[in-house]
Amino acid sequence: MSNILVLGAGMVGSAMAIDLSKDHKVTLTDLNSQRLTSVKEKCKVLNTLQLDVTDKNKLSAAIKDFDMVICAVPGFLGFETLKQIIEAGKNVVDISFFPENSLDLDKLAKSKGVTAIVDCGVAPGMDNILLGYYNERLKLTDFECLVGGLPKVKKWPFYYKAPFSPVDVIEEYTRPARYVENGNIIIREPLTDCEFIEFDKVGTLESFNSDGLRSIIFTMPHIRNMKEKTLRYPGHVEVVRALKESGFFNKKKMNVKGTEISPLDVTSKILFDEWKLGETEEEITVMRVTVKGENKKGETETIVYNLYDEYDPKTQTSSMARTTGYTATAAANMFLKGLFTEKGVFPPELIGKHEACFNFILGYLKERNIHYVKS
């Protein structure tokens, strides 16, 4: 049994803490004490600690006695928080999905003898693990990931509920999307190149460009075509693009009746209520990962993994928390069992390349009724 600290008691952080508490001693932290109390009522064995991760002294003091840290703070806090965890010499699994390049911390992690597994959710996360596994077995030419978290009930006008902060969703909608075409990195506006695609159990969904390739642009430069696209119900993109083009996502402050305020702050406040996913509201996660390459016989193989996952009414855990959080807790348990011992910063594709790690993570998810179906 290990002593684990989980930073962030949001929807995913709390699900991870509860999952890890089955086999480990777990302390869950957050700035919001009410949130901690709510999670503690669900899982009595959890320890809780109110903590502001931006207070470096308090963060350093909090993490010093733990064997491992799980980082689930908001993206804008992620890089600096991860850096401080590494500087403290603690092994860490991170799902904060910050915009900075995590590989910039690799040298620091090696010097501290730390293993940091980053971007370890559903996507980025499991798609990278699948890619890493097949990169060892095929001479890959193509990779595509289509992924989205969606409410079961389609409500006008957005047909969407955010399983995490609207600010982080809007960040996805405004950050330029990078993909790889014929070996070249292409930069496109997000919310472009929309396509309608059919999925079992869901029907027609709309895919669009988003900046989801992240580390694999740098770790898999030999793959000539790579793309990640986000999935939403048809109609969502048009409404969001109207807001974006009208300036509702602008960060630059404007003067309104003597008050300086940014349009993004106002939009986020409004969308927080409109997009807020209810605690017991049913939602789904849909993902399709496709890899294509040449096998040892010189034949072209195309391998597809499909994921369809739903809110779990028994544990009252959202699908996005399950598919994201349990990938991270799988990686944490994998590391604690000694299946991965390398030091440095590791995006998931560098974990998935190892067959024992790949099989452990898929098996761990299967035990929790999360199934990646191969065809």
Protein backbone atom coordinates (compact mmCIF):
# COMPACT_ATOMS: atom_id res chain seq x y z
CA MET A 1 0.00 0.00 0.00
CA SER A 2 1.41 3.38 -1.06
CA ASN A 3 0.73 6.84 0.32
CA ILE A 4 -0.67 8.94 -2.58
CA LEU A 5 -1.55 12.64 -2.83
CA VAL A 6 -4.14 13.77 -5.40
CA LEU A 7 -4.05 17.46 -6.29
CA GLY A 8 -7.48 18.70 -7.44
CA ALA A 9 -10.90 17.48 -6.29
CA GLY A 10 -12.80 18.24 -9.47
CA MET A 11 -14.87 15.65 -11.29
CA VAL A 12 -11.83 13.68 -12.53
CA GLY A 13 -9.58 14.25 -9.52
CA SER A 14 -12.19 13.00 -7.06
CA ALA A 15 -12.92 9.91 -9.22
CA MET A 16 -9.19 9.09 -9.25
CA ALA A 17 -8.86 9.53 -5.50
CA ILE A 18 -11.82 7.21 -4.84
CA ASP A 19 -10.46 4.60 -7.27
CA LEU A 20 -6.96 4.68 -5.78
CA SER A 21 -8.32 4.45 -2.21
CA LYS A 22 -9.30 0.80 -2.88
CA ASP A 23 -5.63 -0.23 -2.66
CA HIS A 24 -3.74 2.76 -1.25
CA LYS A 25 -3.79 5.41 1.44
CA VAL A 26 -5.01 8.55 -0.39
CA THR A 27 -5.17 12.24 0.52
CA LEU A 28 -7.23 14.50 -1.74
CA THR A 29 -6.53 18.24 -1.88
CA ASP A 30 -8.36 21.25 -3.25
CA LEU A 31 -8.74 24.96 -2.56
CA ASN A 32 -12.51 24.47 -2.25
CA SER A 33 -13.28 22.96 1.17
CA GLN A 34 -16.95 22.30 0.28
CA ARG A 35 -15.86 20.15 -2.64
CA LEU A 36 -13.57 18.16 -0.36
CA THR A 37 -16.40 17.62 2.14
CA SER A 38 -18.69 16.41 -0.65
CA VAL A 39 -16.15 13.83 -1.88
CA LYS A 40 -15.39 12.71 1.69
CA GLU A 41 -19.10 11.92 2.16
CA LYS A 42 -18.88 9.58 -0.85
CA CYS A 43 -15.68 7.87 0.31
CA LYS A 44 -15.07 7.82 4.07
CA VAL A 45 -11.57 6.32 3.84
CA LEU A 46 -10.19 9.34 1.98
CA ASN A 47 -8.13 11.93 3.81
CA THR A 48 -8.65 15.53 2.67
CA LEU A 49 -6.53 18.66 2.84
CA GLN A 50 -7.40 22.21 1.80
CA LEU A 51 -4.50 23.44 -0.33
CA ASP A 52 -3.68 26.30 -2.70
CA VAL A 53 -1.19 24.85 -5.21
CA THR A 54 -0.10 28.37 -6.23
CA ASP A 55 1.43 28.79 -2.75
CA LYS A 56 4.75 27.09 -3.44
CA ASN A 57 5.78 26.78 0.20
CA LYS A 58 2.52 25.10 1.18
CA LEU A 59 2.64 22.80 -1.85
CA SER A 60 6.21 21.73 -1.05
CA ALA A 61 5.27 21.05 2.58
CA ALA A 62 2.16 19.10 1.55
CA ILE A 63 3.84 16.70 -0.87
CA LYS A 64 7.03 15.87 1.07
CA ASP A 65 5.70 12.79 2.92
CA PHE A 66 3.97 11.08 -0.01
CA ASP A 67 5.19 8.24 -2.23
CA MET A 68 3.47 9.54 -5.35
CA VAL A 69 1.49 12.56 -6.57
CA ILE A 70 -1.44 12.60 -9.00
CA CYS A 71 -1.88 16.06 -10.53
CA ALA A 72 -5.39 17.04 -11.69
CA VAL A 73 -5.27 20.83 -11.40
CA PRO A 74 -6.71 23.17 -14.09
CA GLY A 75 -4.59 23.46 -17.23
CA PHE A 76 -3.39 27.02 -16.55
CA LEU A 77 -1.82 25.84 -13.27
CA GLY A 78 -0.49 22.55 -14.62
CA PHE A 79 3.03 23.27 -15.84
CA GLU A 80 4.26 25.15 -12.75
CA THR A 81 2.62 22.63 -10.41
CA LEU A 82 4.23 19.70 -12.24
CA LYS A 83 7.59 21.47 -12.19
CA GLN A 84 7.41 21.92 -8.43
CA ILE A 85 6.42 18.29 -7.86
CA ILE A 86 9.44 17.17 -9.90
CA GLU A 87 11.73 19.59 -8.05
CA ALA A 88 10.53 18.00 -4.81
CA GLY A 89 11.71 14.62 -6.14
CA LYS A 90 8.27 13.00 -6.26
CA ASN A 91 7.05 10.57 -8.92
CA VAL A 92 3.90 11.89 -10.56
CA VAL A 93 1.08 11.08 -12.98
CA ASP A 94 -0.38 14.24 -14.50
CA ILE A 95 -3.68 14.93 -16.31
CA SER A 96 -3.73 18.74 -16.13
CA PHE A 97 -3.30 19.03 -19.95
CA PHE A 98 -1.42 22.35 -19.85
CA PRO A 99 -0.55 24.13 -23.12
CA GLU A 100 3.22 24.18 -22.44
CA ASN A 101 5.52 21.39 -23.66
CA SER A 102 5.97 18.87 -20.83
CA LEU A 103 9.15 17.50 -22.44
CA ASP A 104 10.85 20.76 -21.40
CA LEU A 105 10.90 19.26 -17.88
CA ASP A 106 12.56 15.98 -18.93
CA LYS A 107 16.09 17.08 -18.00
CA LEU A 108 14.92 18.24 -14.57
CA ALA A 109 13.07 14.97 -13.94
CA LYS A 110 16.13 12.90 -14.87
CA SER A 111 18.35 14.99 -12.58
CA LYS A 112 15.92 14.43 -9.70
CA GLY A 113 15.50 10.70 -10.39
CA VAL A 114 11.78 11.22 -10.99
CA THR A 115 9.30 9.44 -13.26
CA ALA A 116 6.64 11.85 -14.55
CA ILE A 117 3.87 10.34 -16.71
CA VAL A 118 2.01 13.22 -18.37
CA ASP A 119 -1.12 13.73 -20.50
CA CYS A 120 -2.41 10.46 -19.09
CA GLY A 121 -6.17 10.69 -19.71
CA VAL A 122 -8.44 9.38 -22.44
CA ALA A 123 -7.22 11.70 -25.23
CA PRO A 124 -4.48 12.65 -24.87
CA GLY A 125 -3.77 9.45 -23.03
CA MET A 126 -5.20 6.15 -24.21
CA ASP A 127 -4.91 7.11 -27.88
CA ASN A 128 -1.20 7.73 -27.29
CA ILE A 129 -0.84 4.38 -25.49
CA LEU A 130 -2.44 2.56 -28.45
CA LEU A 131 -0.20 4.46 -30.86
CA GLY A 132 2.94 3.65 -28.86
CA TYR A 133 2.08 -0.05 -28.81
CA TYR A 134 1.52 -0.35 -32.57
CA ASN A 135 4.50 1.85 -33.38
CA GLU A 136 6.66 -1.02 -32.10
CA ARG A 137 4.85 -3.57 -34.28
CA LEU A 138 4.18 -1.77 -37.57
CA LYS A 139 5.98 0.72 -39.74
CA LEU A 140 3.29 3.34 -39.19
CA THR A 141 2.25 5.85 -41.84
CA ASP A 142 -1.08 7.14 -40.45
CA PHE A 143 -2.68 7.94 -37.09
CA GLU A 144 -6.09 9.46 -36.41
CA CYS A 145 -7.98 10.02 -33.19
CA LEU A 146 -11.63 11.15 -33.09
CA VAL A 147 -12.89 11.83 -29.57
CA GLY A 148 -15.62 13.62 -27.67
CA GLY A 149 -17.50 13.74 -24.38
CA LEU A 150 -21.22 14.36 -24.92
CA PRO A 151 -24.44 14.64 -22.91
CA LYS A 152 -27.00 11.93 -23.61
CA VAL A 153 -29.70 14.58 -23.94
CA LYS A 154 -29.14 17.06 -26.80
CA LYS A 155 -30.27 20.48 -25.54
CA TRP A 156 -30.51 23.49 -27.84
CA PRO A 157 -28.61 25.73 -28.62
CA PHE A 158 -25.23 24.11 -27.84
CA TYR A 159 -26.12 20.38 -27.74
CA TYR A 160 -23.25 20.12 -25.26
CA LYS A 161 -22.33 19.92 -21.59
CA ALA A 162 -18.76 20.35 -20.38
CA PRO A 163 -17.44 17.63 -18.08
CA PHE A 164 -14.76 20.13 -17.03
CA SER A 165 -14.29 23.91 -16.86
CA PRO A 166 -15.74 25.96 -19.76
CA VAL A 167 -12.48 27.96 -19.74
CA ASP A 168 -10.55 24.78 -20.66
CA VAL A 169 -13.10 23.95 -23.39
CA ILE A 170 -12.85 27.45 -24.85
CA GLU A 171 -9.06 27.09 -24.78
CA GLU A 172 -9.48 24.06 -27.08
CA TYR A 173 -11.70 26.13 -29.36
CA THR A 174 -9.22 29.02 -29.67
CA ARG A 175 -5.76 27.36 -29.69
CA PRO A 176 -4.47 26.78 -33.25
CA ALA A 177 -4.76 23.13 -34.28
CA ARG A 178 -1.62 21.30 -35.37
CA TYR A 179 -1.68 18.15 -37.47
CA VAL A 180 0.83 16.35 -39.67
CA GLU A 181 0.27 15.86 -43.39
CA ASN A 182 2.86 14.23 -45.68
CA GLY A 183 5.49 14.71 -42.97
CA ASN A 184 4.80 18.44 -42.56
CA ILE A 185 3.29 20.15 -39.52
CA ILE A 186 0.17 22.03 -40.65
CA ILE A 187 -1.41 24.71 -38.48
CA ARG A 188 -5.13 25.37 -38.94
CA GLU A 189 -7.78 27.31 -37.11
CA PRO A 190 -9.68 25.10 -34.64
CA LEU A 191 -13.34 24.28 -35.41
CA THR A 192 -12.48 23.80 -39.12
CA ASP A 193 -12.55 20.88 -41.61
CA CYS A 194 -15.89 19.66 -40.25
CA GLU A 195 -16.98 16.16 -41.26
CA PHE A 196 -20.03 14.07 -40.38
CA ILE A 197 -19.14 10.57 -39.14
CA GLU A 198 -21.33 7.65 -38.07
CA PHE A 199 -20.83 5.87 -34.73
CA ASP A 200 -22.61 2.83 -33.32
CA LYS A 201 -25.04 3.61 -30.46
CA VAL A 202 -24.74 7.36 -31.12
CA GLY A 203 -25.49 8.03 -34.77
CA THR A 204 -24.06 11.01 -36.67
CA LEU A 205 -21.44 13.18 -34.99
CA GLU A 206 -19.50 16.16 -36.31
CA SER A 207 -15.69 16.15 -36.16
CA PHE A 208 -13.48 19.24 -36.31
CA ASN A 209 -9.83 20.24 -35.99
CA SER A 210 -8.45 20.61 -32.48
CA ASP A 211 -4.92 20.71 -31.08
CA GLY A 212 -4.81 17.22 -29.59
CA LEU A 213 -1.63 15.67 -31.02
CA ARG A 214 0.55 17.37 -28.40
CA SER A 215 3.68 15.30 -27.62
CA ILE A 216 3.42 12.84 -30.52
CA ILE A 217 4.35 15.60 -32.97
CA PHE A 218 7.80 15.44 -31.33
CA THR A 219 8.03 11.78 -30.26
CA MET A 220 6.66 10.22 -33.49
CA PRO A 221 8.08 12.43 -36.28
CA HIS A 222 8.41 9.43 -38.65
CA ILE A 223 4.62 9.04 -38.97
CA ARG A 224 3.73 11.03 -42.09
CA ASN A 225 0.05 11.65 -41.39
CA MET A 226 -1.36 12.36 -37.93
CA LYS A 227 -4.58 14.07 -36.93
CA GLU A 228 -6.75 14.49 -33.85
CA LYS A 229 -10.31 15.80 -34.15
CA THR A 230 -12.95 16.57 -31.55
CA LEU A 231 -16.48 15.13 -31.78
CA ARG A 232 -19.71 16.99 -31.04
CA TYR A 233 -23.38 16.66 -31.99
CA PRO A 234 -24.16 18.35 -35.33
CA GLY A 235 -24.99 22.03 -34.86
CA HIS A 236 -22.58 22.73 -32.00
CA VAL A 237 -19.70 23.99 -34.14
CA GLU A 238 -21.76 26.59 -35.98
CA VAL A 239 -23.01 28.16 -32.74
CA VAL A 240 -19.53 28.21 -31.16
CA ARG A 241 -17.93 29.68 -34.28
CA ALA A 242 -20.54 32.48 -34.25
CA LEU A 243 -19.51 33.34 -30.67
CA LYS A 244 -15.81 33.13 -31.52
CA GLU A 245 -16.05 35.28 -34.66
CA SER A 246 -18.14 37.86 -32.78
CA GLY A 247 -15.40 38.35 -30.16
CA PHE A 248 -16.96 36.57 -27.20
CA PHE A 249 -13.74 34.60 -26.56
CA ASN A 250 -11.40 37.62 -26.64
CA LYS A 251 -9.10 37.99 -23.62
CA LYS A 252 -8.38 41.70 -24.14
CA LYS A 253 -10.29 43.76 -21.61
CA MET A 254 -12.85 46.33 -22.65
CA ASN A 255 -14.49 49.16 -20.73
CA VAL A 256 -18.17 48.62 -19.96
CA LYS A 257 -19.74 51.50 -18.01
CA GLY A 258 -16.48 52.19 -16.20
CA THR A 259 -15.58 48.55 -15.51
CA GLU A 260 -12.65 46.80 -17.22
CA ILE A 261 -13.64 43.25 -18.15
CA SER A 262 -12.69 40.73 -20.82
CA PRO A 263 -15.36 39.21 -23.09
CA LEU A 264 -13.91 35.76 -22.29
CA ASP A 265 -14.59 36.21 -18.55
CA VAL A 266 -18.21 37.14 -19.23
CA THR A 267 -18.69 34.32 -21.75
CA SER A 268 -17.17 31.75 -19.38
CA LYS A 269 -19.45 32.90 -16.57
CA ILE A 270 -22.54 32.54 -18.77
CA LEU A 271 -21.46 29.22 -20.27
CA PHE A 272 -20.60 27.77 -16.85
CA ASP A 273 -24.32 27.51 -16.10
CA GLU A 274 -25.34 26.62 -19.67
CA TRP A 275 -22.68 23.90 -20.04
CA LYS A 276 -22.52 22.66 -16.45
CA LEU A 277 -22.92 18.90 -16.33
CA GLY A 278 -25.20 17.83 -13.47
CA GLU A 279 -23.68 15.48 -10.88
CA THR A 280 -25.97 12.64 -11.92
CA GLU A 281 -26.56 13.76 -15.52
CA GLU A 282 -25.99 10.97 -18.02
CA GLU A 283 -23.24 11.52 -20.58
CA ILE A 284 -21.06 9.44 -22.88
CA THR A 285 -17.52 9.28 -24.19
CA VAL A 286 -16.95 8.28 -27.81
CA MET A 287 -13.52 7.64 -29.31
CA ARG A 288 -12.16 6.02 -32.46
CA VAL A 289 -8.41 5.52 -32.89
CA THR A 290 -7.09 4.38 -36.28
CA VAL A 291 -3.49 3.37 -37.03
CA LYS A 292 -2.22 2.28 -40.42
CA GLY A 293 1.14 0.86 -41.40
CA GLU A 294 3.20 -1.89 -42.90
CA ASN A 295 3.73 -5.18 -41.08
CA LYS A 296 6.83 -7.39 -41.21
CA LYS A 297 5.46 -9.18 -44.29
CA GLY A 298 5.27 -5.88 -46.17
CA GLU A 299 1.45 -5.86 -46.04
CA THR A 300 -0.57 -2.78 -45.15
CA GLU A 301 -2.60 -3.16 -41.94
CA THR A 302 -5.28 -0.82 -40.62
CA ILE A 303 -6.22 -1.27 -36.96
CA VAL A 304 -9.18 0.52 -35.37
CA TYR A 305 -10.10 0.78 -31.69
CA ASN A 306 -13.56 2.05 -30.73
CA LEU A 307 -14.63 3.23 -27.29
CA TYR A 308 -18.20 3.86 -26.19
CA ASP A 309 -18.61 4.52 -22.48
CA GLU A 310 -21.52 5.79 -20.35
CA TYR A 311 -22.08 7.48 -17.00
CA ASP A 312 -22.05 4.88 -14.21
CA PRO A 313 -25.24 5.29 -12.13
CA LYS A 314 -24.06 2.77 -9.53
CA THR A 315 -21.02 4.80 -8.49
CA GLN A 316 -22.43 8.11 -9.81
CA THR A 317 -19.25 8.63 -11.83
CA SER A 318 -19.29 10.43 -15.16
CA SER A 319 -17.96 8.67 -18.23
CA MET A 320 -15.36 11.39 -18.81
CA ALA A 321 -14.12 11.00 -15.23
CA ARG A 322 -13.98 7.20 -15.66
CA THR A 323 -12.24 7.13 -19.03
CA THR A 324 -9.83 9.96 -18.18
CA GLY A 325 -9.22 9.30 -14.50
CA TYR A 326 -8.95 5.52 -14.58
CA THR A 327 -6.33 5.69 -17.34
CA ALA A 328 -4.24 7.78 -14.95
CA THR A 329 -4.88 5.51 -11.95
CA ALA A 330 -4.00 2.52 -14.15
CA ALA A 331 -0.68 4.20 -14.96
CA ALA A 332 -0.08 4.98 -11.28
CA ASN A 333 -0.70 1.36 -10.24
CA MET A 334 1.39 0.12 -13.17
CA PHE A 335 4.30 2.25 -11.95
CA LEU A 336 3.88 1.28 -8.31
CA LYS A 337 3.95 -2.41 -9.30
CA GLY A 338 7.37 -1.83 -10.93
CA LEU A 339 6.28 -2.40 -14.54
CA PHE A 340 7.84 0.90 -15.61
CA THR A 341 11.05 2.18 -14.01
CA GLU A 342 12.59 4.70 -16.42
CA LYS A 343 13.33 8.23 -15.19
CA GLY A 344 12.28 11.44 -16.94
CA VAL A 345 9.08 12.88 -18.45
CA PHE A 346 7.03 10.34 -20.38
CA PRO A 347 3.99 11.04 -22.52
CA PRO A 348 1.76 7.93 -22.76
CA GLU A 349 3.04 6.77 -26.17
CA LEU A 350 6.40 6.06 -24.49
CA ILE A 351 4.59 3.90 -21.92
CA GLY A 352 2.39 2.02 -24.41
CA LYS A 353 5.44 0.82 -26.37
CA HIS A 354 6.07 -1.67 -23.55
CA GLU A 355 3.78 -4.70 -23.93
CA ALA A 356 3.50 -5.36 -20.18
CA CYS A 357 2.45 -1.75 -19.54
CA PHE A 358 0.01 -1.78 -22.46
CA ASN A 359 -1.66 -5.01 -21.31
CA PHE A 360 -1.83 -3.87 -17.68
CA ILE A 361 -3.58 -0.60 -18.53
CA LEU A 362 -6.11 -2.20 -20.90
CA GLY A 363 -6.80 -4.91 -18.32
CA TYR A 364 -7.22 -2.36 -15.52
CA LEU A 365 -9.76 -0.41 -17.58
CA LYS A 366 -11.60 -3.58 -18.57
CA GLU A 367 -12.01 -4.45 -14.87
CA ARG A 368 -13.79 -1.09 -14.54
CA ASN A 369 -16.05 -1.87 -17.53
CA ILE A 370 -14.21 0.45 -19.94
CA HIS A 371 -13.74 -1.44 -23.18
CA TYR A 372 -11.56 -0.55 -26.16
CA VAL A 373 -12.90 -2.73 -28.97
CA LYS A 374 -10.35 -3.64 -31.64
CA SER A 375 -11.18 -4.32 -35.31
